[in-house]
N, C-alpha and C. Protein backbone atom coordinates (compact mmCIF):
# COMPACT_ATOMS: atom_id res chain seq x y z
N MET A 1 160.45 73.05 -46.40
CA MET A 1 159.65 73.55 -47.64
C MET A 1 158.19 73.12 -47.48
N ILE A 2 157.36 74.04 -47.93
CA ILE A 2 155.89 73.75 -47.94
C ILE A 2 155.58 72.71 -49.13
N SER A 3 154.81 71.73 -48.75
CA SER A 3 154.42 70.77 -49.78
C SER A 3 152.92 70.86 -50.26
N LYS A 4 152.08 71.41 -49.44
CA LYS A 4 150.69 71.55 -49.88
C LYS A 4 149.94 72.45 -48.88
N LEU A 5 148.80 72.82 -49.34
CA LEU A 5 147.89 73.58 -48.42
C LEU A 5 147.02 72.52 -47.64
N GLY A 6 147.12 72.57 -46.31
CA GLY A 6 146.42 71.57 -45.64
C GLY A 6 145.06 71.87 -45.02
N GLN A 7 144.87 73.13 -44.51
CA GLN A 7 143.66 73.55 -43.97
C GLN A 7 143.46 75.01 -44.23
N VAL A 8 142.28 75.40 -44.32
CA VAL A 8 141.78 76.80 -44.46
C VAL A 8 140.93 77.12 -43.25
N MET A 9 141.16 78.13 -42.43
CA MET A 9 140.42 78.49 -41.28
C MET A 9 139.26 79.36 -41.74
N LEU A 10 138.00 78.95 -41.44
CA LEU A 10 136.83 79.73 -41.69
C LEU A 10 136.20 80.18 -40.39
N TYR A 11 136.18 81.44 -40.02
CA TYR A 11 135.64 81.92 -38.75
C TYR A 11 134.18 82.13 -38.89
N VAL A 12 133.44 81.47 -38.05
CA VAL A 12 131.93 81.56 -38.16
C VAL A 12 131.33 81.93 -36.91
N ASN A 13 130.08 82.45 -36.91
CA ASN A 13 129.36 82.79 -35.73
C ASN A 13 128.67 81.57 -35.12
N ASN A 14 128.30 80.64 -35.93
CA ASN A 14 127.58 79.49 -35.32
C ASN A 14 128.16 78.16 -36.01
N GLN A 15 129.05 77.52 -35.24
CA GLN A 15 129.75 76.33 -35.77
C GLN A 15 128.79 75.19 -36.06
N ASP A 16 127.73 75.03 -35.44
CA ASP A 16 126.82 73.89 -35.66
C ASP A 16 126.10 74.13 -36.94
N GLU A 17 125.66 75.38 -37.21
CA GLU A 17 124.89 75.75 -38.45
C GLU A 17 125.94 75.61 -39.58
N ALA A 18 127.11 76.07 -39.45
CA ALA A 18 128.08 75.94 -40.48
C ALA A 18 128.42 74.55 -40.91
N ARG A 19 128.61 73.76 -39.77
CA ARG A 19 128.85 72.29 -40.12
C ARG A 19 127.72 71.72 -40.89
N ASN A 20 126.40 72.05 -40.57
CA ASN A 20 125.25 71.55 -41.24
C ASN A 20 125.24 72.03 -42.68
N PHE A 21 125.56 73.32 -42.91
CA PHE A 21 125.69 73.80 -44.22
C PHE A 21 126.64 73.07 -45.06
N TRP A 22 127.82 72.88 -44.61
CA TRP A 22 128.85 72.22 -45.47
C TRP A 22 128.57 70.77 -45.65
N THR A 23 128.02 70.14 -44.65
CA THR A 23 127.83 68.70 -44.85
C THR A 23 126.49 68.44 -45.54
N GLU A 24 125.34 69.06 -45.18
CA GLU A 24 124.04 68.78 -45.71
C GLU A 24 123.87 69.41 -47.09
N LYS A 25 124.33 70.56 -47.34
CA LYS A 25 124.06 71.25 -48.63
C LYS A 25 125.12 71.02 -49.62
N LEU A 26 126.45 70.94 -49.10
CA LEU A 26 127.46 70.82 -50.14
C LEU A 26 128.05 69.34 -50.17
N GLY A 27 127.69 68.44 -49.20
CA GLY A 27 128.07 67.15 -49.25
C GLY A 27 129.49 66.83 -48.64
N PHE A 28 130.06 67.73 -47.94
CA PHE A 28 131.39 67.59 -47.29
C PHE A 28 131.16 66.54 -46.28
N SER A 29 132.25 66.00 -45.74
CA SER A 29 132.31 65.10 -44.56
C SER A 29 132.94 65.77 -43.42
N VAL A 30 132.51 65.46 -42.19
CA VAL A 30 133.26 65.93 -40.91
C VAL A 30 134.47 64.97 -40.84
N ILE A 31 135.63 65.62 -40.92
CA ILE A 31 136.93 64.87 -40.75
C ILE A 31 137.25 64.69 -39.24
N ALA A 32 137.00 65.85 -38.55
CA ALA A 32 137.33 65.80 -37.11
C ALA A 32 136.54 66.84 -36.39
N GLU A 33 136.10 66.60 -35.12
CA GLU A 33 135.48 67.65 -34.34
C GLU A 33 136.09 67.54 -32.99
N GLU A 34 136.61 68.66 -32.53
CA GLU A 34 137.42 68.70 -31.25
C GLU A 34 136.76 69.77 -30.34
N ASN A 35 136.85 69.49 -29.11
CA ASN A 35 136.44 70.52 -28.06
C ASN A 35 137.26 70.21 -26.83
N SER A 36 138.43 70.96 -26.75
CA SER A 36 139.32 70.74 -25.61
C SER A 36 139.77 72.14 -25.14
N GLN A 37 139.76 72.22 -23.86
CA GLN A 37 140.29 73.44 -23.12
C GLN A 37 139.53 74.69 -23.58
N GLY A 38 138.21 74.41 -23.92
CA GLY A 38 137.40 75.65 -24.28
C GLY A 38 137.47 75.96 -25.80
N ILE A 39 138.26 75.27 -26.55
CA ILE A 39 138.52 75.50 -27.95
C ILE A 39 137.82 74.44 -28.75
N ARG A 40 136.78 74.83 -29.56
CA ARG A 40 136.07 73.94 -30.30
C ARG A 40 136.23 74.19 -31.83
N TRP A 41 136.66 73.19 -32.57
CA TRP A 41 136.72 73.42 -33.99
C TRP A 41 136.17 72.18 -34.76
N ILE A 42 135.74 72.40 -35.98
CA ILE A 42 135.16 71.27 -36.78
C ILE A 42 135.80 71.32 -38.14
N GLU A 43 136.46 70.25 -38.51
CA GLU A 43 137.14 70.11 -39.78
C GLU A 43 136.21 69.38 -40.76
N VAL A 44 135.94 70.01 -41.89
CA VAL A 44 135.16 69.49 -43.03
C VAL A 44 135.93 69.44 -44.34
N ALA A 45 135.49 68.55 -45.25
CA ALA A 45 136.20 68.44 -46.49
C ALA A 45 135.37 67.66 -47.45
N PRO A 46 135.53 67.96 -48.77
CA PRO A 46 134.89 67.02 -49.78
C PRO A 46 135.65 65.64 -49.70
N LYS A 47 135.05 64.56 -50.07
CA LYS A 47 135.64 63.29 -50.04
C LYS A 47 136.93 63.25 -50.82
N GLY A 48 137.97 62.78 -50.32
CA GLY A 48 139.24 62.67 -50.97
C GLY A 48 140.09 63.86 -51.16
N ALA A 49 139.59 65.04 -50.60
CA ALA A 49 140.30 66.31 -50.75
C ALA A 49 141.54 66.32 -50.01
N ALA A 50 142.57 66.99 -50.48
CA ALA A 50 143.83 67.22 -49.84
C ALA A 50 143.81 68.37 -48.80
N THR A 51 142.93 69.22 -49.04
CA THR A 51 142.69 70.41 -48.15
C THR A 51 141.32 70.43 -47.48
N SER A 52 141.31 70.81 -46.20
CA SER A 52 140.07 70.84 -45.49
C SER A 52 139.74 72.27 -44.97
N ILE A 53 138.60 72.44 -44.48
CA ILE A 53 138.11 73.69 -43.98
C ILE A 53 137.88 73.43 -42.48
N VAL A 54 138.51 74.33 -41.70
CA VAL A 54 138.24 74.19 -40.20
C VAL A 54 137.38 75.34 -39.81
N LEU A 55 136.23 75.02 -39.21
CA LEU A 55 135.26 75.99 -38.76
C LEU A 55 135.58 76.30 -37.35
N GLN A 56 135.98 77.67 -37.21
CA GLN A 56 136.32 78.03 -35.98
C GLN A 56 135.40 79.11 -35.39
N ASN A 57 135.19 79.22 -34.11
CA ASN A 57 134.28 80.19 -33.43
C ASN A 57 134.79 81.56 -33.53
N LYS A 58 134.23 82.43 -34.36
CA LYS A 58 134.73 83.73 -34.59
C LYS A 58 134.88 84.59 -33.35
N GLU A 59 133.94 84.62 -32.48
CA GLU A 59 133.92 85.37 -31.27
C GLU A 59 135.01 84.87 -30.37
N PHE A 60 135.25 83.58 -30.22
CA PHE A 60 136.29 83.10 -29.34
C PHE A 60 137.68 83.44 -29.84
N VAL A 61 137.87 83.33 -31.11
CA VAL A 61 139.17 83.59 -31.76
C VAL A 61 139.45 85.14 -31.65
N ALA A 62 138.39 85.95 -31.80
CA ALA A 62 138.60 87.38 -31.70
C ALA A 62 139.12 87.76 -30.23
N LYS A 63 138.54 87.12 -29.28
CA LYS A 63 138.89 87.43 -27.86
C LYS A 63 140.35 86.96 -27.56
N MET A 64 140.76 85.73 -28.13
CA MET A 64 142.03 85.15 -27.89
C MET A 64 143.15 85.87 -28.80
N GLU A 65 142.82 86.32 -29.93
CA GLU A 65 143.74 87.07 -30.89
C GLU A 65 143.11 88.21 -31.48
N PRO A 66 143.06 89.40 -30.74
CA PRO A 66 142.30 90.55 -31.26
C PRO A 66 142.77 91.13 -32.54
N GLU A 67 144.08 90.89 -32.90
CA GLU A 67 144.69 91.40 -34.07
C GLU A 67 144.49 90.41 -35.31
N MET A 68 143.84 89.29 -35.07
CA MET A 68 143.66 88.30 -36.15
C MET A 68 142.67 88.83 -37.20
N ASN A 69 143.02 88.62 -38.41
CA ASN A 69 142.05 88.93 -39.47
C ASN A 69 140.92 87.82 -39.60
N LEU A 70 139.82 88.08 -39.24
CA LEU A 70 138.74 87.08 -39.21
C LEU A 70 137.79 87.11 -40.45
N GLY A 71 138.33 87.86 -41.52
CA GLY A 71 137.53 87.97 -42.73
C GLY A 71 137.41 86.56 -43.40
N THR A 72 136.44 86.44 -44.30
CA THR A 72 136.24 85.26 -45.02
C THR A 72 137.30 85.03 -46.17
N PRO A 73 137.92 83.94 -46.20
CA PRO A 73 138.97 83.70 -47.26
C PRO A 73 138.23 83.61 -48.55
N SER A 74 138.84 83.97 -49.58
CA SER A 74 138.35 83.83 -50.93
C SER A 74 138.67 82.49 -51.55
N LEU A 75 137.78 81.61 -51.51
CA LEU A 75 137.86 80.28 -51.87
C LEU A 75 137.31 79.92 -53.20
N MET A 76 138.03 79.22 -54.09
CA MET A 76 137.55 78.75 -55.42
C MET A 76 137.53 77.33 -55.38
N PHE A 77 136.33 76.59 -55.43
CA PHE A 77 136.16 75.29 -55.55
C PHE A 77 136.03 74.85 -57.02
N PHE A 78 136.47 73.67 -57.24
CA PHE A 78 136.33 73.05 -58.63
C PHE A 78 135.25 72.00 -58.70
N THR A 79 134.65 71.87 -59.77
CA THR A 79 133.59 70.81 -60.05
C THR A 79 133.74 70.35 -61.52
N ASP A 80 133.16 69.15 -61.78
CA ASP A 80 133.21 68.63 -63.13
C ASP A 80 131.84 68.96 -63.74
N HIS A 81 130.87 69.29 -62.91
CA HIS A 81 129.49 69.44 -63.42
C HIS A 81 128.84 70.78 -62.85
N VAL A 82 129.22 71.89 -63.32
CA VAL A 82 128.84 73.15 -62.74
C VAL A 82 127.28 73.37 -62.86
N ASP A 83 126.62 73.07 -63.93
CA ASP A 83 125.21 73.20 -64.19
C ASP A 83 124.47 72.34 -63.16
N GLN A 84 124.92 71.12 -62.96
CA GLN A 84 124.18 70.21 -62.07
C GLN A 84 124.39 70.72 -60.53
N LEU A 85 125.60 71.06 -60.20
CA LEU A 85 125.85 71.57 -58.81
C LEU A 85 125.03 72.89 -58.70
N HIS A 86 124.94 73.79 -59.55
CA HIS A 86 124.30 75.05 -59.45
C HIS A 86 122.72 74.67 -59.15
N ALA A 87 122.19 73.75 -59.92
CA ALA A 87 120.80 73.37 -59.72
C ALA A 87 120.58 72.76 -58.34
N ASP A 88 121.48 71.79 -57.96
CA ASP A 88 121.46 71.19 -56.74
C ASP A 88 121.43 72.15 -55.47
N LEU A 89 122.36 73.12 -55.55
CA LEU A 89 122.47 74.14 -54.47
C LEU A 89 121.17 74.96 -54.52
N SER A 90 120.72 75.36 -55.70
CA SER A 90 119.45 76.18 -55.76
C SER A 90 118.26 75.39 -55.10
N ASN A 91 118.24 74.12 -55.43
CA ASN A 91 117.14 73.28 -54.86
C ASN A 91 117.21 73.08 -53.34
N LYS A 92 118.41 73.32 -52.81
CA LYS A 92 118.63 73.18 -51.33
C LYS A 92 118.53 74.56 -50.68
N ASN A 93 117.98 75.58 -51.45
CA ASN A 93 117.86 76.91 -50.97
C ASN A 93 119.17 77.57 -50.54
N VAL A 94 120.17 77.26 -51.23
CA VAL A 94 121.46 78.02 -51.07
C VAL A 94 121.44 79.20 -52.00
N LYS A 95 121.90 80.32 -51.51
CA LYS A 95 121.85 81.59 -52.42
C LYS A 95 122.98 81.39 -53.31
N VAL A 96 122.66 81.31 -54.69
CA VAL A 96 123.61 81.21 -55.66
C VAL A 96 123.52 82.40 -56.75
N GLY A 97 124.77 82.67 -57.27
CA GLY A 97 124.80 83.62 -58.36
C GLY A 97 124.54 82.95 -59.71
N GLU A 98 124.44 83.78 -60.68
CA GLU A 98 124.33 83.16 -62.11
C GLU A 98 125.52 82.54 -62.52
N ILE A 99 125.42 81.56 -63.36
CA ILE A 99 126.55 80.88 -64.00
C ILE A 99 127.11 81.84 -65.05
N VAL A 100 128.42 82.04 -65.06
CA VAL A 100 129.07 83.06 -66.00
C VAL A 100 130.16 82.20 -66.75
N SER A 101 130.17 82.43 -68.01
CA SER A 101 131.15 81.85 -68.86
C SER A 101 132.42 82.78 -68.91
N MET A 102 133.50 82.23 -68.62
CA MET A 102 134.84 82.94 -68.64
C MET A 102 135.30 82.94 -70.03
N PRO A 103 136.24 83.99 -70.42
CA PRO A 103 136.79 84.01 -71.74
C PRO A 103 137.57 82.73 -72.08
N SER A 104 138.09 82.13 -71.07
CA SER A 104 138.88 80.88 -71.33
C SER A 104 138.04 79.64 -71.46
N GLY A 105 136.65 79.82 -71.32
CA GLY A 105 135.83 78.72 -71.55
C GLY A 105 135.23 78.04 -70.35
N GLU A 106 135.77 78.29 -69.21
CA GLU A 106 135.30 77.69 -67.94
C GLU A 106 134.02 78.51 -67.58
N LYS A 107 133.19 77.71 -66.83
CA LYS A 107 131.95 78.34 -66.22
C LYS A 107 132.23 78.48 -64.69
N VAL A 108 131.65 79.50 -64.16
CA VAL A 108 131.83 79.74 -62.69
C VAL A 108 130.52 80.44 -62.19
N PHE A 109 130.27 80.10 -60.82
CA PHE A 109 129.12 80.83 -60.13
C PHE A 109 129.69 80.95 -58.72
N ASN A 110 129.03 81.90 -58.00
CA ASN A 110 129.30 82.04 -56.59
C ASN A 110 128.06 81.60 -55.72
N PHE A 111 128.32 81.26 -54.51
CA PHE A 111 127.30 80.83 -53.63
C PHE A 111 127.62 81.40 -52.20
N ALA A 112 126.56 81.59 -51.37
CA ALA A 112 126.81 82.08 -49.96
C ALA A 112 126.35 80.96 -48.94
N ASP A 113 127.11 80.92 -47.93
CA ASP A 113 126.70 80.15 -46.76
C ASP A 113 125.59 80.86 -45.96
N ASP A 114 125.10 80.31 -44.88
CA ASP A 114 124.05 80.85 -44.12
C ASP A 114 124.49 82.15 -43.33
N GLU A 115 125.65 82.44 -43.35
CA GLU A 115 126.17 83.73 -42.67
C GLU A 115 126.63 84.72 -43.71
N GLU A 116 126.17 84.49 -44.97
CA GLU A 116 126.47 85.47 -46.11
C GLU A 116 127.91 85.51 -46.40
N ASN A 117 128.76 84.45 -46.25
CA ASN A 117 130.11 84.36 -46.66
C ASN A 117 130.04 83.79 -48.14
N TYR A 118 130.66 84.45 -49.00
CA TYR A 118 130.55 84.03 -50.48
C TYR A 118 131.76 83.26 -50.90
N PHE A 119 131.56 82.20 -51.69
CA PHE A 119 132.64 81.42 -52.26
C PHE A 119 132.31 81.19 -53.71
N ALA A 120 133.26 80.67 -54.47
CA ALA A 120 133.03 80.49 -55.90
C ALA A 120 133.31 79.01 -56.22
N VAL A 121 132.74 78.65 -57.39
CA VAL A 121 132.80 77.24 -58.03
C VAL A 121 133.17 77.41 -59.50
N MET A 122 134.12 76.73 -59.97
CA MET A 122 134.51 76.83 -61.35
C MET A 122 134.45 75.29 -61.89
N GLU A 123 133.95 75.17 -63.08
CA GLU A 123 134.10 73.90 -63.83
C GLU A 123 135.32 73.98 -64.65
N LYS A 124 136.32 73.05 -64.24
CA LYS A 124 137.54 72.94 -64.93
C LYS A 124 137.42 72.01 -66.18
N LYS A 125 137.94 72.41 -67.36
CA LYS A 125 137.90 71.63 -68.48
C LYS A 125 139.22 70.80 -68.68
């Protein structure tokens, strides 16, 4: 039986720039960085998270598995302080959308990484 979601693969054009984006702008930590047999991947996650993001080389994976879907996964992150996070990302020159109030009362906004992959953040009440 499946007990939890462990990792999400994010296929990127530049792994070093992607690592810098997730660590420097979003405050994630590098959990692991491997480079063996020509395969390089970088695992990042927020402190204490049960699920991590693995930054994979899009070009390499496309050559190894031509039928693989390399599209960006639709990820929703949670925060306790959406206004503060929105301001912090804006100050770090991250492309952010406007904060939207949902009918259920939560606030949400989207942001893009340096490769124009979009993700969302929701303040959970």
